[in-house]
Amino acid sequence: MIMKKFLSLGFALTLLLALSSCGCLDFNTPEMRGGEDFSINKIDGNKIDMNVKANIYNDNCFGVKIKPSDLELFVEGESVGTVRLNKKVKLKKRKETPIDANLTATLNDGALMKMMGYATQGEVEVRLKGKAKGGVFIFSKKIEIDEKKKISTSGFGLGR
């Protein structure tokens, strides 16, 4: 029993040394590369369930899992609530991966009325800020996110 634990620890250390020697433990933050699209599925009180599609490039020499995380949501520079990634997203190594993610936005009081006003503008600036948790095998790291995008308000329609 002790020998098995020693061997598995030795294997883990060997794997760790091999990965660090090839530079594979250096973590590059995945980047969005277009294809962004979103739709609102359901509005229930101050919660909005939405679906986001995007192409994300992972420059690392290993696959990365982005785990459920909460980020602050800003629209036109004003904090309107938080957004939660509901299920983990897997990104393939050194590849652009199309993702289809389900998110839940929890809005601050009065933010839903502001969002309705933004729907008539045609285009708004949306910013997500915070730390997302990413993982590789048994290792995890918090990734600093601060993304701004101009989006069309045509996606504000229900059931698109």
C-alpha atoms as a PDB file:
ATOM      1  CA  MET A   1       0.000   0.000   0.000  1.00  0.00           C
ATOM      2  CA  ILE A   2       2.787   2.424   0.915  1.00  0.00           C
ATOM      3  CA  MET A   3       4.695   1.402  -2.212  1.00  0.00           C
ATOM      4  CA  LYS A   4       1.670   2.247  -4.427  1.00  0.00           C
ATOM      5  CA  LYS A   5       1.386   5.702  -2.860  1.00  0.00           C
ATOM      6  CA  PHE A   6       5.123   6.262  -3.255  1.00  0.00           C
ATOM      7  CA  LEU A   7       4.987   5.207  -6.933  1.00  0.00           C
ATOM      8  CA  SER A   8       1.988   7.422  -7.671  1.00  0.00           C
ATOM      9  CA  LEU A   9       3.681  10.356  -5.931  1.00  0.00           C
ATOM     10  CA  GLY A  10       6.845   9.649  -7.946  1.00  0.00           C
ATOM     11  CA  PHE A  11       4.789   9.561 -11.158  1.00  0.00           C
ATOM     12  CA  ALA A  12       3.124  12.867 -10.289  1.00  0.00           C
ATOM     13  CA  LEU A  13       6.482  14.512  -9.549  1.00  0.00           C
ATOM     14  CA  THR A  14       7.990  13.141 -12.778  1.00  0.00           C
ATOM     15  CA  LEU A  15       5.008  14.452 -14.745  1.00  0.00           C
ATOM     16  CA  LEU A  16       5.302  17.834 -13.036  1.00  0.00           C
ATOM     17  CA  LEU A  17       9.030  18.065 -13.823  1.00  0.00           C
ATOM     18  CA  ALA A  18       8.477  17.024 -17.439  1.00  0.00           C
ATOM     19  CA  LEU A  19       5.736  19.603 -17.907  1.00  0.00           C
ATOM     20  CA  SER A  20       7.728  22.397 -16.289  1.00  0.00           C
ATOM     21  CA  SER A  21      10.845  21.646 -18.334  1.00  0.00           C
ATOM     22  CA  CYS A  22       8.945  21.991 -21.629  1.00  0.00           C
ATOM     23  CA  GLY A  23       7.318  25.246 -20.496  1.00  0.00           C
ATOM     24  CA  CYS A  24       3.890  23.655 -20.318  1.00  0.00           C
ATOM     25  CA  LEU A  25       3.144  24.993 -16.850  1.00  0.00           C
ATOM     26  CA  ASP A  26       3.310  28.568 -18.101  1.00  0.00           C
ATOM     27  CA  PHE A  27      -0.328  29.532 -18.389  1.00  0.00           C
ATOM     28  CA  ASN A  28      -1.523  31.817 -21.169  1.00  0.00           C
ATOM     29  CA  THR A  29      -4.984  33.296 -20.787  1.00  0.00           C
ATOM     30  CA  PRO A  30      -7.340  32.044 -23.535  1.00  0.00           C
ATOM     31  CA  GLU A  31      -8.531  34.770 -25.912  1.00  0.00           C
ATOM     32  CA  MET A  32     -11.830  35.408 -27.674  1.00  0.00           C
ATOM     33  CA  ARG A  33     -11.494  35.330 -31.440  1.00  0.00           C
ATOM     34  CA  GLY A  34     -14.866  36.273 -32.773  1.00  0.00           C
ATOM     35  CA  GLY A  35     -18.057  34.445 -33.512  1.00  0.00           C
ATOM     36  CA  GLU A  36     -19.662  36.111 -30.495  1.00  0.00           C
ATOM     37  CA  ASP A  37     -23.405  35.723 -30.395  1.00  0.00           C
ATOM     38  CA  PHE A  38     -25.854  35.671 -27.540  1.00  0.00           C
ATOM     39  CA  SER A  39     -29.535  35.217 -26.921  1.00  0.00           C
ATOM     40  CA  ILE A  40     -31.761  35.620 -23.900  1.00  0.00           C
ATOM     41  CA  ASN A  41     -33.667  32.450 -23.092  1.00  0.00           C
ATOM     42  CA  LYS A  42     -35.689  33.445 -20.037  1.00  0.00           C
ATOM     43  CA  ILE A  43     -36.242  36.374 -17.682  1.00  0.00           C
ATOM     44  CA  ASP A  44     -37.464  35.530 -14.188  1.00  0.00           C
ATOM     45  CA  GLY A  45     -37.534  38.465 -11.800  1.00  0.00           C
ATOM     46  CA  ASN A  46     -33.979  39.785 -11.553  1.00  0.00           C
ATOM     47  CA  LYS A  47     -32.448  36.649 -13.165  1.00  0.00           C
ATOM     48  CA  ILE A  48     -31.771  36.344 -16.886  1.00  0.00           C
ATOM     49  CA  ASP A  49     -30.806  32.993 -18.409  1.00  0.00           C
ATOM     50  CA  MET A  50     -28.851  33.427 -21.619  1.00  0.00           C
ATOM     51  CA  ASN A  51     -26.812  31.476 -24.099  1.00  0.00           C
ATOM     52  CA  VAL A  52     -23.474  32.748 -25.418  1.00  0.00           C
ATOM     53  CA  LYS A  53     -21.581  31.413 -28.418  1.00  0.00           C
ATOM     54  CA  ALA A  54     -17.980  32.407 -29.130  1.00  0.00           C
ATOM     55  CA  ASN A  55     -14.715  31.127 -30.557  1.00  0.00           C
ATOM     56  CA  ILE A  56     -11.980  30.955 -27.918  1.00  0.00           C
ATOM     57  CA  TYR A  57      -8.330  30.245 -28.708  1.00  0.00           C
ATOM     58  CA  ASN A  58      -6.272  28.336 -26.131  1.00  0.00           C
ATOM     59  CA  ASP A  59      -2.549  28.940 -26.795  1.00  0.00           C
ATOM     60  CA  ASN A  60      -1.445  26.510 -24.075  1.00  0.00           C
ATOM     61  CA  CYS A  61       0.078  23.075 -24.717  1.00  0.00           C
ATOM     62  CA  PHE A  62      -2.700  21.519 -22.651  1.00  0.00           C
ATOM     63  CA  GLY A  63      -6.484  21.557 -22.592  1.00  0.00           C
ATOM     64  CA  VAL A  64      -8.071  23.954 -20.112  1.00  0.00           C
ATOM     65  CA  LYS A  65     -11.372  23.666 -18.273  1.00  0.00           C
ATOM     66  CA  ILE A  66     -13.037  26.936 -17.285  1.00  0.00           C
ATOM     67  CA  LYS A  67     -15.045  26.105 -14.181  1.00  0.00           C
ATOM     68  CA  PRO A  68     -18.280  27.759 -13.015  1.00  0.00           C
ATOM     69  CA  SER A  69     -17.383  31.288 -11.970  1.00  0.00           C
ATOM     70  CA  ASP A  70     -19.012  34.618 -11.155  1.00  0.00           C
ATOM     71  CA  LEU A  71     -18.041  37.881 -12.872  1.00  0.00           C
ATOM     72  CA  GLU A  72     -19.249  41.463 -12.412  1.00  0.00           C
ATOM     73  CA  LEU A  73     -21.409  42.753 -15.266  1.00  0.00           C
ATOM     74  CA  PHE A  74     -21.240  46.357 -16.440  1.00  0.00           C
ATOM     75  CA  VAL A  75     -23.389  47.876 -19.205  1.00  0.00           C
ATOM     76  CA  GLU A  76     -22.393  51.295 -20.551  1.00  0.00           C
ATOM     77  CA  GLY A  77     -19.926  51.632 -17.644  1.00  0.00           C
ATOM     78  CA  GLU A  78     -22.517  51.031 -14.942  1.00  0.00           C
ATOM     79  CA  SER A  79     -22.586  47.953 -12.680  1.00  0.00           C
ATOM     80  CA  VAL A  80     -25.823  46.067 -13.271  1.00  0.00           C
ATOM     81  CA  GLY A  81     -25.150  42.762 -11.465  1.00  0.00           C
ATOM     82  CA  THR A  82     -23.207  39.517 -11.801  1.00  0.00           C
ATOM     83  CA  VAL A  83     -22.958  36.799 -14.439  1.00  0.00           C
ATOM     84  CA  ARG A  84     -22.391  33.126 -13.612  1.00  0.00           C
ATOM     85  CA  LEU A  85     -21.026  30.477 -15.962  1.00  0.00           C
ATOM     86  CA  ASN A  86     -23.318  27.559 -15.111  1.00  0.00           C
ATOM     87  CA  LYS A  87     -21.312  24.603 -16.462  1.00  0.00           C
ATOM     88  CA  LYS A  88     -17.617  24.084 -17.095  1.00  0.00           C
ATOM     89  CA  VAL A  89     -16.298  24.773 -20.574  1.00  0.00           C
ATOM     90  CA  LYS A  90     -13.492  22.689 -22.103  1.00  0.00           C
ATOM     91  CA  LEU A  91     -10.940  24.321 -24.390  1.00  0.00           C
ATOM     92  CA  LYS A  92      -8.721  22.158 -26.582  1.00  0.00           C
ATOM     93  CA  LYS A  93      -4.965  22.703 -26.564  1.00  0.00           C
ATOM     94  CA  ARG A  94      -3.490  25.109 -29.135  1.00  0.00           C
ATOM     95  CA  LYS A  95      -6.785  25.327 -30.944  1.00  0.00           C
ATOM     96  CA  GLU A  96      -9.694  27.664 -31.482  1.00  0.00           C
ATOM     97  CA  THR A  97     -12.723  26.068 -29.843  1.00  0.00           C
ATOM     98  CA  PRO A  98     -16.307  27.118 -30.532  1.00  0.00           C
ATOM     99  CA  ILE A  99     -18.122  27.227 -27.206  1.00  0.00           C
ATOM    100  CA  ASP A 100     -21.794  27.310 -26.397  1.00  0.00           C
ATOM    101  CA  ALA A 101     -22.140  28.434 -22.772  1.00  0.00           C
ATOM    102  CA  ASN A 102     -25.169  28.882 -20.565  1.00  0.00           C
ATOM    103  CA  LEU A 103     -24.964  31.907 -18.276  1.00  0.00           C
ATOM    104  CA  THR A 104     -27.212  33.338 -15.594  1.00  0.00           C
ATOM    105  CA  ALA A 105     -27.157  37.075 -14.921  1.00  0.00           C
ATOM    106  CA  THR A 106     -28.405  38.223 -11.526  1.00  0.00           C
ATOM    107  CA  LEU A 107     -29.284  41.891 -11.817  1.00  0.00           C
ATOM    108  CA  ASN A 108     -29.157  44.593  -9.142  1.00  0.00           C
ATOM    109  CA  ASP A 109     -32.417  46.265  -8.126  1.00  0.00           C
ATOM    110  CA  GLY A 110     -33.656  48.552 -10.906  1.00  0.00           C
ATOM    111  CA  ALA A 111     -31.159  47.209 -13.444  1.00  0.00           C
ATOM    112  CA  LEU A 112     -33.809  45.392 -15.503  1.00  0.00           C
ATOM    113  CA  MET A 113     -35.522  48.702 -16.313  1.00  0.00           C
ATOM    114  CA  LYS A 114     -32.149  50.172 -17.365  1.00  0.00           C
ATOM    115  CA  MET A 115     -31.547  47.111 -19.571  1.00  0.00           C
ATOM    116  CA  MET A 116     -34.910  47.690 -21.274  1.00  0.00           C
ATOM    117  CA  GLY A 117     -33.793  51.272 -22.016  1.00  0.00           C
ATOM    118  CA  TYR A 118     -30.533  49.997 -23.525  1.00  0.00           C
ATOM    119  CA  ALA A 119     -32.469  47.676 -25.849  1.00  0.00           C
ATOM    120  CA  THR A 120     -33.487  50.655 -28.008  1.00  0.00           C
ATOM    121  CA  GLN A 121     -29.907  51.956 -28.468  1.00  0.00           C
ATOM    122  CA  GLY A 122     -28.889  49.472 -31.166  1.00  0.00           C
ATOM    123  CA  GLU A 123     -25.480  48.810 -29.611  1.00  0.00           C
ATOM    124  CA  VAL A 124     -24.141  48.888 -26.027  1.00  0.00           C
ATOM    125  CA  GLU A 125     -20.777  48.377 -24.354  1.00  0.00           C
ATOM    126  CA  VAL A 126     -20.734  45.332 -22.072  1.00  0.00           C
ATOM    127  CA  ARG A 127     -17.869  44.646 -19.674  1.00  0.00           C
ATOM    128  CA  LEU A 128     -17.196  41.493 -17.663  1.00  0.00           C
ATOM    129  CA  LYS A 129     -14.726  41.805 -14.800  1.00  0.00           C
ATOM    130  CA  GLY A 130     -13.539  39.402 -12.138  1.00  0.00           C
ATOM    131  CA  LYS A 131     -11.735  36.117 -11.698  1.00  0.00           C
ATOM    132  CA  ALA A 132     -12.682  32.920 -13.491  1.00  0.00           C
ATOM    133  CA  LYS A 133     -11.373  29.599 -12.242  1.00  0.00           C
ATOM    134  CA  GLY A 134      -9.493  27.529 -14.809  1.00  0.00           C
ATOM    135  CA  GLY A 135      -8.139  24.039 -14.319  1.00  0.00           C
ATOM    136  CA  VAL A 136      -5.715  21.588 -15.848  1.00  0.00           C
ATOM    137  CA  PHE A 137      -5.619  18.047 -14.451  1.00  0.00           C
ATOM    138  CA  ILE A 138      -5.244  18.635 -10.666  1.00  0.00           C
ATOM    139  CA  PHE A 139      -3.952  22.199 -11.010  1.00  0.00           C
ATOM    140  CA  SER A 140      -6.209  25.233 -10.978  1.00  0.00           C
ATOM    141  CA  LYS A 141      -5.656  28.937 -11.281  1.00  0.00           C
ATOM    142  CA  LYS A 142      -7.811  32.022 -11.055  1.00  0.00           C
ATOM    143  CA  ILE A 143      -7.713  33.903 -14.334  1.00  0.00           C
ATOM    144  CA  GLU A 144      -8.195  37.676 -14.259  1.00  0.00           C
ATOM    145  CA  ILE A 145     -10.936  38.654 -16.720  1.00  0.00           C
ATOM    146  CA  ASP A 146     -11.577  42.219 -17.865  1.00  0.00           C
ATOM    147  CA  GLU A 147     -13.278  42.107 -21.268  1.00  0.00           C
ATOM    148  CA  LYS A 148     -15.161  44.926 -22.990  1.00  0.00           C
ATOM    149  CA  LYS A 149     -17.277  44.346 -26.088  1.00  0.00           C
ATOM    150  CA  LYS A 150     -19.751  46.364 -28.074  1.00  0.00           C
ATOM    151  CA  ILE A 151     -22.789  44.175 -28.688  1.00  0.00           C
ATOM    152  CA  SER A 152     -25.897  44.588 -30.734  1.00  0.00           C
ATOM    153  CA  THR A 153     -29.071  44.895 -28.702  1.00  0.00           C
ATOM    154  CA  SER A 154     -30.949  42.758 -31.233  1.00  0.00           C
ATOM    155  CA  GLY A 155     -29.995  39.774 -29.007  1.00  0.00           C
ATOM    156  CA  PHE A 156     -32.063  41.270 -26.179  1.00  0.00           C
ATOM    157  CA  GLY A 157     -35.142  39.654 -27.740  1.00  0.00           C
ATOM    158  CA  LEU A 158     -36.479  36.529 -26.055  1.00  0.00           C
ATOM    159  CA  GLY A 159     -36.140  33.059 -27.552  1.00  0.00           C
ATOM    160  CA  ARG A 160     -34.024  34.095 -30.494  1.00  0.00           C
END
